[in-house]
Amino acid sequence: MDYLSVYEAALRVDVINDLEKSPEISKKLGGFKGRFISWCAKERTIFEADLDDEFQEFEEKYIKSRLYNTNLKLWKLISKQVFERDGFTCFYCGQYGGILEVDHYIPISK
């Protein structure tokens, strides 16, 4: 284990202790708590610890970001339905199969 890993592990403990002192932030994190602890520990290797500022930045970057709020099961189901509807063929070039991406060129409702 290198020096930075040991330092981050110690900082994780600091973040956990800070969260115990701020239950309102801990509650707002919900299922993101573990990710937040890891993220804060990395941030604290460079910046001074400030749990409120760290939470606000984390919330903007990760919790409120569209990627983390996507229902993946629903997205995969819709993607599969779109691929089947289009015969696994690229709408733009007509190529069959390969790596396909779901596009919004034709609405899902059609």
PDB file of N, CA and C in Angstrom:
ATOM      1  N   MET A   1       0.856  -1.171   0.000  1.00  0.00           N
ATOM      2  CA  MET A   1       0.000   0.000   0.000  1.00  0.00           C
ATOM      3  C   MET A   1       0.908   1.241   0.000  1.00  0.00           C
ATOM      4  N   ASP A   2       0.658   2.163  -0.901  1.00  0.00           N
ATOM      5  CA  ASP A   2       1.481   3.362  -0.979  1.00  0.00           C
ATOM      6  C   ASP A   2       1.027   4.419   0.023  1.00  0.00           C
ATOM      7  N   TYR A   3       1.833   5.444   0.162  1.00  0.00           N
ATOM      8  CA  TYR A   3       1.574   6.503   1.134  1.00  0.00           C
ATOM      9  C   TYR A   3       0.228   7.175   0.898  1.00  0.00           C
ATOM     10  N   LEU A   4      -0.104   7.458  -0.370  1.00  0.00           N
ATOM     11  CA  LEU A   4      -1.349   8.151  -0.691  1.00  0.00           C
ATOM     12  C   LEU A   4      -2.563   7.306  -0.293  1.00  0.00           C
ATOM     13  N   SER A   5      -2.506   6.002  -0.512  1.00  0.00           N
ATOM     14  CA  SER A   5      -3.616   5.115  -0.135  1.00  0.00           C
ATOM     15  C   SER A   5      -3.837   5.106   1.377  1.00  0.00           C
ATOM     16  N   VAL A   6      -2.752   5.089   2.128  1.00  0.00           N
ATOM     17  CA  VAL A   6      -2.851   5.113   3.592  1.00  0.00           C
ATOM     18  C   VAL A   6      -3.454   6.438   4.039  1.00  0.00           C
ATOM     19  N   TYR A   7      -3.003   7.516   3.414  1.00  0.00           N
ATOM     20  CA  TYR A   7      -3.511   8.848   3.745  1.00  0.00           C
ATOM     21  C   TYR A   7      -5.001   8.953   3.418  1.00  0.00           C
ATOM     22  N   GLU A   8      -5.416   8.446   2.250  1.00  0.00           N
ATOM     23  CA  GLU A   8      -6.841   8.465   1.872  1.00  0.00           C
ATOM     24  C   GLU A   8      -7.662   7.634   2.845  1.00  0.00           C
ATOM     25  N   ALA A   9      -7.137   6.505   3.280  1.00  0.00           N
ATOM     26  CA  ALA A   9      -7.861   5.656   4.242  1.00  0.00           C
ATOM     27  C   ALA A   9      -8.089   6.422   5.550  1.00  0.00           C
ATOM     28  N   ALA A  10      -7.080   7.158   5.993  1.00  0.00           N
ATOM     29  CA  ALA A  10      -7.233   7.964   7.212  1.00  0.00           C
ATOM     30  C   ALA A  10      -8.251   9.081   6.986  1.00  0.00           C
ATOM     31  N   LEU A  11      -8.230   9.673   5.816  1.00  0.00           N
ATOM     32  CA  LEU A  11      -9.184  10.739   5.507  1.00  0.00           C
ATOM     33  C   LEU A  11     -10.612  10.205   5.416  1.00  0.00           C
ATOM     34  N   ARG A  12     -10.772   8.966   4.963  1.00  0.00           N
ATOM     35  CA  ARG A  12     -12.108   8.350   4.936  1.00  0.00           C
ATOM     36  C   ARG A  12     -12.690   8.297   6.349  1.00  0.00           C
ATOM     37  N   VAL A  13     -11.856   7.959   7.315  1.00  0.00           N
ATOM     38  CA  VAL A  13     -12.300   7.913   8.710  1.00  0.00           C
ATOM     39  C   VAL A  13     -12.727   9.311   9.155  1.00  0.00           C
ATOM     40  N   ASP A  14     -11.958  10.324   8.757  1.00  0.00           N
ATOM     41  CA  ASP A  14     -12.337  11.704   9.098  1.00  0.00           C
ATOM     42  C   ASP A  14     -13.688  12.074   8.504  1.00  0.00           C
ATOM     43  N   VAL A  15     -13.919  11.697   7.264  1.00  0.00           N
ATOM     44  CA  VAL A  15     -15.193  12.006   6.609  1.00  0.00           C
ATOM     45  C   VAL A  15     -16.338  11.300   7.327  1.00  0.00           C
ATOM     46  N   ILE A  16     -16.145  10.045   7.673  1.00  0.00           N
ATOM     47  CA  ILE A  16     -17.171   9.285   8.398  1.00  0.00           C
ATOM     48  C   ILE A  16     -17.484   9.967   9.733  1.00  0.00           C
ATOM     49  N   ASN A  17     -16.451  10.408  10.429  1.00  0.00           N
ATOM     50  CA  ASN A  17     -16.664  11.115  11.706  1.00  0.00           C
ATOM     51  C   ASN A  17     -17.412  12.419  11.487  1.00  0.00           C
ATOM     52  N   ASP A  18     -17.062  13.155  10.427  1.00  0.00           N
ATOM     53  CA  ASP A  18     -17.766  14.406  10.124  1.00  0.00           C
ATOM     54  C   ASP A  18     -19.239  14.145   9.802  1.00  0.00           C
ATOM     55  N   LEU A  19     -19.512  13.066   9.089  1.00  0.00           N
ATOM     56  CA  LEU A  19     -20.900  12.737   8.754  1.00  0.00           C
ATOM     57  C   LEU A  19     -21.703  12.362   9.999  1.00  0.00           C
ATOM     58  N   GLU A  20     -21.055  11.722  10.957  1.00  0.00           N
ATOM     59  CA  GLU A  20     -21.743  11.380  12.207  1.00  0.00           C
ATOM     60  C   GLU A  20     -22.144  12.635  12.971  1.00  0.00           C
ATOM     61  N   LYS A  21     -21.362  13.694  12.807  1.00  0.00           N
ATOM     62  CA  LYS A  21     -21.666  14.968  13.458  1.00  0.00           C
ATOM     63  C   LYS A  21     -22.693  15.782  12.681  1.00  0.00           C
ATOM     64  N   SER A  22     -22.950  15.401  11.415  1.00  0.00           N
ATOM     65  CA  SER A  22     -23.898  16.115  10.547  1.00  0.00           C
ATOM     66  C   SER A  22     -24.914  15.143   9.974  1.00  0.00           C
ATOM     67  N   PRO A  23     -25.839  14.663  10.791  1.00  0.00           N
ATOM     68  CA  PRO A  23     -26.803  13.663  10.310  1.00  0.00           C
ATOM     69  C   PRO A  23     -27.689  14.174   9.172  1.00  0.00           C
ATOM     70  N   GLU A  24     -27.912  15.502   9.104  1.00  0.00           N
ATOM     71  CA  GLU A  24     -28.748  16.034   8.029  1.00  0.00           C
ATOM     72  C   GLU A  24     -28.088  15.816   6.666  1.00  0.00           C
ATOM     73  N   ILE A  25     -26.780  15.970   6.582  1.00  0.00           N
ATOM     74  CA  ILE A  25     -26.073  15.722   5.322  1.00  0.00           C
ATOM     75  C   ILE A  25     -26.070  14.234   5.024  1.00  0.00           C
ATOM     76  N   SER A  26     -25.827  13.437   6.043  1.00  0.00           N
ATOM     77  CA  SER A  26     -25.832  11.984   5.877  1.00  0.00           C
ATOM     78  C   SER A  26     -27.174  11.506   5.339  1.00  0.00           C
ATOM     79  N   LYS A  27     -28.252  12.084   5.844  1.00  0.00           N
ATOM     80  CA  LYS A  27     -29.607  11.706   5.391  1.00  0.00           C
ATOM     81  C   LYS A  27     -29.824  12.122   3.938  1.00  0.00           C
ATOM     82  N   LYS A  28     -29.357  13.315   3.553  1.00  0.00           N
ATOM     83  CA  LYS A  28     -29.515  13.788   2.172  1.00  0.00           C
ATOM     84  C   LYS A  28     -28.768  12.915   1.186  1.00  0.00           C
ATOM     85  N   LEU A  29     -27.663  12.322   1.612  1.00  0.00           N
ATOM     86  CA  LEU A  29     -26.859  11.488   0.721  1.00  0.00           C
ATOM     87  C   LEU A  29     -27.562  10.189   0.343  1.00  0.00           C
ATOM     88  N   GLY A  30     -28.335   9.636   1.240  1.00  0.00           N
ATOM     89  CA  GLY A  30     -29.044   8.392   0.962  1.00  0.00           C
ATOM     90  C   GLY A  30     -28.087   7.301   0.505  1.00  0.00           C
ATOM     91  N   GLY A  31     -28.359   6.738  -0.662  1.00  0.00           N
ATOM     92  CA  GLY A  31     -27.555   5.650  -1.208  1.00  0.00           C
ATOM     93  C   GLY A  31     -26.205   6.084  -1.749  1.00  0.00           C
ATOM     94  N   PHE A  32     -25.934   7.374  -1.768  1.00  0.00           N
ATOM     95  CA  PHE A  32     -24.668   7.881  -2.280  1.00  0.00           C
ATOM     96  C   PHE A  32     -23.611   8.029  -1.187  1.00  0.00           C
ATOM     97  N   LYS A  33     -23.918   7.606   0.023  1.00  0.00           N
ATOM     98  CA  LYS A  33     -23.033   7.848   1.170  1.00  0.00           C
ATOM     99  C   LYS A  33     -21.636   7.250   0.960  1.00  0.00           C
ATOM    100  N   GLY A  34     -21.541   6.010   0.541  1.00  0.00           N
ATOM    101  CA  GLY A  34     -20.240   5.364   0.328  1.00  0.00           C
ATOM    102  C   GLY A  34     -19.423   6.068  -0.738  1.00  0.00           C
ATOM    103  N   ARG A  35     -20.075   6.419  -1.826  1.00  0.00           N
ATOM    104  CA  ARG A  35     -19.397   7.129  -2.912  1.00  0.00           C
ATOM    105  C   ARG A  35     -18.927   8.501  -2.428  1.00  0.00           C
ATOM    106  N   PHE A  36     -19.760   9.160  -1.626  1.00  0.00           N
ATOM    107  CA  PHE A  36     -19.411  10.473  -1.088  1.00  0.00           C
ATOM    108  C   PHE A  36     -18.180  10.382  -0.191  1.00  0.00           C
ATOM    109  N   ILE A  37     -18.125   9.370   0.658  1.00  0.00           N
ATOM    110  CA  ILE A  37     -16.987   9.202   1.566  1.00  0.00           C
ATOM    111  C   ILE A  37     -15.695   9.034   0.764  1.00  0.00           C
ATOM    112  N   SER A  38     -15.726   8.191  -0.253  1.00  0.00           N
ATOM    113  CA  SER A  38     -14.540   7.991  -1.094  1.00  0.00           C
ATOM    114  C   SER A  38     -14.148   9.269  -1.815  1.00  0.00           C
ATOM    115  N   TRP A  39     -15.145   9.948  -2.362  1.00  0.00           N
ATOM    116  CA  TRP A  39     -14.898  11.189  -3.104  1.00  0.00           C
ATOM    117  C   TRP A  39     -14.292  12.254  -2.191  1.00  0.00           C
ATOM    118  N   CYS A  40     -14.853  12.417  -0.995  1.00  0.00           N
ATOM    119  CA  CYS A  40     -14.343  13.409  -0.045  1.00  0.00           C
ATOM    120  C   CYS A  40     -12.909  13.104   0.363  1.00  0.00           C
ATOM    121  N   ALA A  41     -12.618  11.834   0.598  1.00  0.00           N
ATOM    122  CA  ALA A  41     -11.260  11.465   1.002  1.00  0.00           C
ATOM    123  C   ALA A  41     -10.252  11.874  -0.067  1.00  0.00           C
ATOM    124  N   LYS A  42     -10.597  11.651  -1.329  1.00  0.00           N
ATOM    125  CA  LYS A  42      -9.707  12.061  -2.428  1.00  0.00           C
ATOM    126  C   LYS A  42      -9.595  13.584  -2.492  1.00  0.00           C
ATOM    127  N   GLU A  43     -10.718  14.276  -2.332  1.00  0.00           N
ATOM    128  CA  GLU A  43     -10.708  15.740  -2.352  1.00  0.00           C
ATOM    129  C   GLU A  43      -9.853  16.294  -1.210  1.00  0.00           C
ATOM    130  N   ARG A  44      -9.929  15.660  -0.066  1.00  0.00           N
ATOM    131  CA  ARG A  44      -9.210  16.165   1.103  1.00  0.00           C
ATOM    132  C   ARG A  44      -7.705  15.937   1.026  1.00  0.00           C
ATOM    133  N   THR A  45      -7.251  15.132   0.079  1.00  0.00           N
ATOM    134  CA  THR A  45      -5.803  15.009  -0.107  1.00  0.00           C
ATOM    135  C   THR A  45      -5.237  16.294  -0.696  1.00  0.00           C
ATOM    136  N   ILE A  46      -6.102  17.097  -1.319  1.00  0.00           N
ATOM    137  CA  ILE A  46      -5.675  18.331  -1.979  1.00  0.00           C
ATOM    138  C   ILE A  46      -6.221  19.564  -1.269  1.00  0.00           C
ATOM    139  N   PHE A  47      -7.490  19.521  -0.869  1.00  0.00           N
ATOM    140  CA  PHE A  47      -8.170  20.687  -0.311  1.00  0.00           C
ATOM    141  C   PHE A  47      -8.440  20.528   1.177  1.00  0.00           C
ATOM    142  N   GLU A  48      -8.663  21.654   1.834  1.00  0.00           N
ATOM    143  CA  GLU A  48      -9.009  21.656   3.252  1.00  0.00           C
ATOM    144  C   GLU A  48     -10.414  21.081   3.445  1.00  0.00           C
ATOM    145  N   ALA A  49     -10.613  20.390   4.541  1.00  0.00           N
ATOM    146  CA  ALA A  49     -11.902  19.743   4.812  1.00  0.00           C
ATOM    147  C   ALA A  49     -12.978  20.764   5.158  1.00  0.00           C
ATOM    148  N   ASP A  50     -14.109  20.680   4.455  1.00  0.00           N
ATOM    149  CA  ASP A  50     -15.300  21.477   4.762  1.00  0.00           C
ATOM    150  C   ASP A  50     -16.492  20.676   4.266  1.00  0.00           C
ATOM    151  N   LEU A  51     -17.126  19.953   5.169  1.00  0.00           N
ATOM    152  CA  LEU A  51     -18.168  18.999   4.806  1.00  0.00           C
ATOM    153  C   LEU A  51     -19.318  19.647   4.044  1.00  0.00           C
ATOM    154  N   ASP A  52     -19.735  20.838   4.443  1.00  0.00           N
ATOM    155  CA  ASP A  52     -20.852  21.499   3.758  1.00  0.00           C
ATOM    156  C   ASP A  52     -20.501  21.814   2.300  1.00  0.00           C
ATOM    157  N   ASP A  53     -19.317  22.371   2.066  1.00  0.00           N
ATOM    158  CA  ASP A  53     -18.892  22.673   0.693  1.00  0.00           C
ATOM    159  C   ASP A  53     -18.712  21.391  -0.116  1.00  0.00           C
ATOM    160  N   GLU A  54     -18.145  20.366   0.526  1.00  0.00           N
ATOM    161  CA  GLU A  54     -17.945  19.091  -0.169  1.00  0.00           C
ATOM    162  C   GLU A  54     -19.286  18.488  -0.572  1.00  0.00           C
ATOM    163  N   PHE A  55     -20.266  18.554   0.336  1.00  0.00           N
ATOM    164  CA  PHE A  55     -21.576  17.997   0.006  1.00  0.00           C
ATOM    165  C   PHE A  55     -22.214  18.750  -1.151  1.00  0.00           C
ATOM    166  N   GLN A  56     -22.154  20.075  -1.131  1.00  0.00           N
ATOM    167  CA  GLN A  56     -22.755  20.865  -2.213  1.00  0.00           C
ATOM    168  C   GLN A  56     -22.114  20.540  -3.557  1.00  0.00           C
ATOM    169  N   GLU A  57     -20.796  20.434  -3.587  1.00  0.00           N
ATOM    170  CA  GLU A  57     -20.115  20.108  -4.841  1.00  0.00           C
ATOM    171  C   GLU A  57     -20.458  18.698  -5.307  1.00  0.00           C
ATOM    172  N   PHE A  58     -20.461  17.743  -4.384  1.00  0.00           N
ATOM    173  CA  PHE A  58     -20.790  16.359  -4.717  1.00  0.00           C
ATOM    174  C   PHE A  58     -22.226  16.249  -5.228  1.00  0.00           C
ATOM    175  N   GLU A  59     -23.136  16.955  -4.555  1.00  0.00           N
ATOM    176  CA  GLU A  59     -24.541  16.915  -4.958  1.00  0.00           C
ATOM    177  C   GLU A  59     -24.718  17.430  -6.384  1.00  0.00           C
ATOM    178  N   GLU A  60     -24.068  18.538  -6.712  1.00  0.00           N
ATOM    179  CA  GLU A  60     -24.175  19.104  -8.061  1.00  0.00           C
ATOM    180  C   GLU A  60     -23.561  18.184  -9.112  1.00  0.00           C
ATOM    181  N   LYS A  61     -22.407  17.606  -8.799  1.00  0.00           N
ATOM    182  CA  LYS A  61     -21.697  16.784  -9.786  1.00  0.00           C
ATOM    183  C   LYS A  61     -22.312  15.402  -9.963  1.00  0.00           C
ATOM    184  N   TYR A  62     -22.806  14.812  -8.878  1.00  0.00           N
ATOM    185  CA  TYR A  62     -23.190  13.407  -8.944  1.00  0.00           C
ATOM    186  C   TYR A  62     -24.653  13.126  -8.638  1.00  0.00           C
ATOM    187  N   ILE A  63     -25.185  13.665  -7.565  1.00  0.00           N
ATOM    188  CA  ILE A  63     -26.550  13.320  -7.183  1.00  0.00           C
ATOM    189  C   ILE A  63     -27.556  13.934  -8.139  1.00  0.00           C
ATOM    190  N   LYS A  64     -27.381  15.205  -8.466  1.00  0.00           N
ATOM    191  CA  LYS A  64     -28.333  15.872  -9.351  1.00  0.00           C
ATOM    192  C   LYS A  64     -28.021  15.659 -10.823  1.00  0.00           C
ATOM    193  N   SER A  65     -26.886  15.063 -11.115  1.00  0.00           N
ATOM    194  CA  SER A  65     -26.531  14.852 -12.521  1.00  0.00           C
ATOM    195  C   SER A  65     -27.460  13.814 -13.137  1.00  0.00           C
ATOM    196  N   ARG A  66     -27.777  14.006 -14.368  1.00  0.00           N
ATOM    197  CA  ARG A  66     -28.742  13.167 -15.062  1.00  0.00           C
ATOM    198  C   ARG A  66     -28.301  11.715 -15.141  1.00  0.00           C
ATOM    199  N   LEU A  67     -27.012  11.452 -15.296  1.00  0.00           N
ATOM    200  CA  LEU A  67     -26.538  10.085 -15.436  1.00  0.00           C
ATOM    201  C   LEU A  67     -26.869   9.228 -14.220  1.00  0.00           C
ATOM    202  N   TYR A  68     -26.685   9.778 -13.038  1.00  0.00           N
ATOM    203  CA  TYR A  68     -26.914   8.991 -11.843  1.00  0.00           C
ATOM    204  C   TYR A  68     -28.382   8.879 -11.488  1.00  0.00           C
ATOM    205  N   ASN A  69     -29.229   9.669 -12.112  1.00  0.00           N
ATOM    206  CA  ASN A  69     -30.653   9.606 -11.827  1.00  0.00           C
ATOM    207  C   ASN A  69     -31.414   8.808 -12.878  1.00  0.00           C
ATOM    208  N   THR A  70     -30.712   8.157 -13.780  1.00  0.00           N
ATOM    209  CA  THR A  70     -31.339   7.377 -14.830  1.00  0.00           C
ATOM    210  C   THR A  70     -31.714   5.994 -14.286  1.00  0.00           C
ATOM    211  N   ASN A  71     -32.931   5.566 -14.586  1.00  0.00           N
ATOM    212  CA  ASN A  71     -33.361   4.223 -14.225  1.00  0.00           C
ATOM    213  C   ASN A  71     -32.774   3.280 -15.274  1.00  0.00           C
ATOM    214  N   LEU A  72     -31.685   2.598 -14.946  1.00  0.00           N
ATOM    215  CA  LEU A  72     -30.963   1.782 -15.927  1.00  0.00           C
ATOM    216  C   LEU A  72     -31.790   0.617 -16.458  1.00  0.00           C
ATOM    217  N   LYS A  73     -32.587   0.005 -15.612  1.00  0.00           N
ATOM    218  CA  LYS A  73     -33.416  -1.117 -16.085  1.00  0.00           C
ATOM    219  C   LYS A  73     -34.410  -0.628 -17.137  1.00  0.00           C
ATOM    220  N   LEU A  74     -35.035   0.518 -16.873  1.00  0.00           N
ATOM    221  CA  LEU A  74     -35.981   1.075 -17.833  1.00  0.00           C
ATOM    222  C   LEU A  74     -35.260   1.482 -19.113  1.00  0.00           C
ATOM    223  N   TRP A  75     -34.082   2.105 -18.988  1.00  0.00           N
ATOM    224  CA  TRP A  75     -33.314   2.535 -20.158  1.00  0.00           C
ATOM    225  C   TRP A  75     -32.933   1.326 -21.028  1.00  0.00           C
ATOM    226  N   LYS A  76     -32.496   0.230 -20.415  1.00  0.00           N
ATOM    227  CA  LYS A  76     -32.143  -0.969 -21.187  1.00  0.00           C
ATOM    228  C   LYS A  76     -33.365  -1.555 -21.880  1.00  0.00           C
ATOM    229  N   LEU A  77     -34.509  -1.571 -21.203  1.00  0.00           N
ATOM    230  CA  LEU A  77     -35.737  -2.076 -21.804  1.00  0.00           C
ATOM    231  C   LEU A  77     -36.137  -1.235 -23.014  1.00  0.00           C
ATOM    232  N   ILE A  78     -36.108   0.086 -22.851  1.00  0.00           N
ATOM    233  CA  ILE A  78     -36.469   0.978 -23.963  1.00  0.00           C
ATOM    234  C   ILE A  78     -35.478   0.822 -25.109  1.00  0.00           C
ATOM    235  N   SER A  79     -34.180   0.729 -24.798  1.00  0.00           N
ATOM    236  CA  SER A  79     -33.164   0.555 -25.836  1.00  0.00           C
ATOM    237  C   SER A  79     -33.423  -0.715 -26.636  1.00  0.00           C
ATOM    238  N   LYS A  80     -33.716  -1.801 -25.927  1.00  0.00           N
ATOM    239  CA  LYS A  80     -33.988  -3.075 -26.598  1.00  0.00           C
ATOM    240  C   LYS A  80     -35.201  -2.942 -27.519  1.00  0.00           C
ATOM    241  N   GLN A  81     -36.247  -2.272 -27.030  1.00  0.00           N
ATOM    242  CA  GLN A  81     -37.446  -2.093 -27.849  1.00  0.00           C
ATOM    243  C   GLN A  81     -37.152  -1.255 -29.092  1.00  0.00           C
ATOM    244  N   VAL A  82     -36.334  -0.225 -28.945  1.00  0.00           N
ATOM    245  CA  VAL A  82     -35.972   0.614 -30.098  1.00  0.00           C
ATOM    246  C   VAL A  82     -35.155  -0.190 -31.097  1.00  0.00           C
ATOM    247  N   PHE A  83     -34.180  -0.981 -30.625  1.00  0.00           N
ATOM    248  CA  PHE A  83     -33.377  -1.805 -31.535  1.00  0.00           C
ATOM    249  C   PHE A  83     -34.262  -2.783 -32.296  1.00  0.00           C
ATOM    250  N   GLU A  84     -35.193  -3.414 -31.583  1.00  0.00           N
ATOM    251  CA  GLU A  84     -36.102  -4.358 -32.236  1.00  0.00           C
ATOM    252  C   GLU A  84     -36.993  -3.647 -33.249  1.00  0.00           C
ATOM    253  N   ARG A  85     -37.513  -2.482 -32.880  1.00  0.00           N
ATOM    254  CA  ARG A  85     -38.365  -1.718 -33.787  1.00  0.00           C
ATOM    255  C   ARG A  85     -37.640  -1.377 -35.080  1.00  0.00           C
ATOM    256  N   ASP A  86     -36.356  -1.018 -34.949  1.00  0.00           N
ATOM    257  CA  ASP A  86     -35.579  -0.605 -36.119  1.00  0.00           C
ATOM    258  C   ASP A  86     -34.846  -1.761 -36.781  1.00  0.00           C
ATOM    259  N   GLY A  87     -35.127  -2.995 -36.362  1.00  0.00           N
ATOM    260  CA  GLY A  87     -34.515  -4.165 -36.981  1.00  0.00           C
ATOM    261  C   GLY A  87     -33.011  -4.218 -36.788  1.00  0.00           C
ATOM    262  N   PHE A  88     -32.521  -3.707 -35.664  1.00  0.00           N
ATOM    263  CA  PHE A  88     -31.091  -3.685 -35.361  1.00  0.00           C
ATOM    264  C   PHE A  88     -30.277  -3.085 -36.505  1.00  0.00           C
ATOM    265  N   THR A  89     -30.847  -2.056 -37.132  1.00  0.00           N
ATOM    266  CA  THR A  89     -30.223  -1.394 -38.273  1.00  0.00           C
ATOM    267  C   THR A  89     -30.013   0.077 -37.952  1.00  0.00           C
ATOM    268  N   CYS A  90     -28.836   0.608 -38.340  1.00  0.00           N
ATOM    269  CA  CYS A  90     -28.534   2.018 -38.116  1.00  0.00           C
ATOM    270  C   CYS A  90     -29.454   2.879 -38.974  1.00  0.00           C
ATOM    271  N   PHE A  91     -30.111   3.830 -38.339  1.00  0.00           N
ATOM    272  CA  PHE A  91     -31.031   4.712 -39.042  1.00  0.00           C
ATOM    273  C   PHE A  91     -30.301   5.583 -40.057  1.00  0.00           C
ATOM    274  N   TYR A  92     -29.060   5.956 -39.745  1.00  0.00           N
ATOM    275  CA  TYR A  92     -28.314   6.888 -40.596  1.00  0.00           C
ATOM    276  C   TYR A  92     -27.647   6.211 -41.792  1.00  0.00           C
ATOM    277  N   CYS A  93     -26.926   5.093 -41.557  1.00  0.00           N
ATOM    278  CA  CYS A  93     -26.154   4.492 -42.652  1.00  0.00           C
ATOM    279  C   CYS A  93     -26.749   3.198 -43.179  1.00  0.00           C
ATOM    280  N   GLY A  94     -27.729   2.630 -42.470  1.00  0.00           N
ATOM    281  CA  GLY A  94     -28.370   1.401 -42.928  1.00  0.00           C
ATOM    282  C   GLY A  94     -27.623   0.135 -42.572  1.00  0.00           C
ATOM    283  N   GLN A  95     -26.497   0.217 -41.858  1.00  0.00           N
ATOM    284  CA  GLN A  95     -25.732  -0.964 -41.481  1.00  0.00           C
ATOM    285  C   GLN A  95     -26.513  -1.789 -40.478  1.00  0.00           C
ATOM    286  N   TYR A  96     -26.496  -3.111 -40.664  1.00  0.00           N
ATOM    287  CA  TYR A  96     -27.195  -4.025 -39.774  1.00  0.00           C
ATOM    288  C   TYR A  96     -26.236  -4.497 -38.690  1.00  0.00           C
ATOM    289  N   GLY A  97     -26.675  -4.504 -37.433  1.00  0.00           N
ATOM    290  CA  GLY A  97     -25.897  -5.041 -36.323  1.00  0.00           C
ATOM    291  C   GLY A  97     -24.730  -4.159 -35.929  1.00  0.00           C
ATOM    292  N   GLY A  98     -23.787  -4.750 -35.215  1.00  0.00           N
ATOM    293  CA  GLY A  98     -22.630  -4.002 -34.729  1.00  0.00           C
ATOM    294  C   GLY A  98     -22.955  -3.280 -33.432  1.00  0.00           C
ATOM    295  N   ILE A  99     -22.183  -2.264 -33.138  1.00  0.00           N
ATOM    296  CA  ILE A  99     -22.419  -1.461 -31.936  1.00  0.00           C
ATOM    297  C   ILE A  99     -23.429  -0.384 -32.280  1.00  0.00           C
ATOM    298  N   LEU A 100     -24.591  -0.465 -31.660  1.00  0.00           N
ATOM    299  CA  LEU A 100     -25.670   0.475 -31.943  1.00  0.00           C
ATOM    300  C   LEU A 100     -25.896   1.392 -30.751  1.00  0.00           C
ATOM    301  N   GLU A 101     -26.295   2.600 -31.034  1.00  0.00           N
ATOM    302  CA  GLU A 101     -26.657   3.560 -30.011  1.00  0.00           C
ATOM    303  C   GLU A 101     -28.113   3.958 -30.218  1.00  0.00           C
ATOM    304  N   VAL A 102     -28.837   4.145 -29.127  1.00  0.00           N
ATOM    305  CA  VAL A 102     -30.211   4.596 -29.216  1.00  0.00           C
ATOM    306  C   VAL A 102     -30.191   6.096 -29.481  1.00  0.00           C
ATOM    307  N   ASP A 103     -30.962   6.521 -30.460  1.00  0.00           N
ATOM    308  CA  ASP A 103     -31.005   7.925 -30.834  1.00  0.00           C
ATOM    309  C   ASP A 103     -32.442   8.410 -30.736  1.00  0.00           C
ATOM    310  N   HIS A 104     -32.628   9.694 -30.662  1.00  0.00           N
ATOM    311  CA  HIS A 104     -33.971  10.259 -30.545  1.00  0.00           C
ATOM    312  C   HIS A 104     -34.478  10.766 -31.883  1.00  0.00           C
ATOM    313  N   TYR A 105     -33.920  10.261 -32.974  1.00  0.00           N
ATOM    314  CA  TYR A 105     -34.337  10.723 -34.289  1.00  0.00           C
ATOM    315  C   TYR A 105     -35.802  10.379 -34.554  1.00  0.00           C
ATOM    316  N   ILE A 106     -36.190   9.153 -34.189  1.00  0.00           N
ATOM    317  CA  ILE A 106     -37.594   8.751 -34.263  1.00  0.00           C
ATOM    318  C   ILE A 106     -38.071   8.597 -32.822  1.00  0.00           C
ATOM    319  N   PRO A 107     -39.106   9.307 -32.416  1.00  0.00           N
ATOM    320  CA  PRO A 107     -39.583   9.202 -31.031  1.00  0.00           C
ATOM    321  C   PRO A 107     -39.942   7.769 -30.656  1.00  0.00           C
ATOM    322  N   ILE A 108     -39.771   7.435 -29.405  1.00  0.00           N
ATOM    323  CA  ILE A 108     -40.092   6.098 -28.904  1.00  0.00           C
ATOM    324  C   ILE A 108     -41.559   5.770 -29.116  1.00  0.00           C
ATOM    325  N   SER A 109     -42.417   6.778 -29.101  1.00  0.00           N
ATOM    326  CA  SER A 109     -43.859   6.551 -29.243  1.00  0.00           C
ATOM    327  C   SER A 109     -44.251   6.063 -30.636  1.00  0.00           C
ATOM    328  N   LYS A 110     -43.378   6.160 -31.614  1.00  0.00           N
ATOM    329  CA  LYS A 110     -43.721   5.716 -32.982  1.00  0.00           C
ATOM    330  C   LYS A 110     -43.207   4.339 -33.283  1.00  0.00           C
TER     331      LYS A 110
END
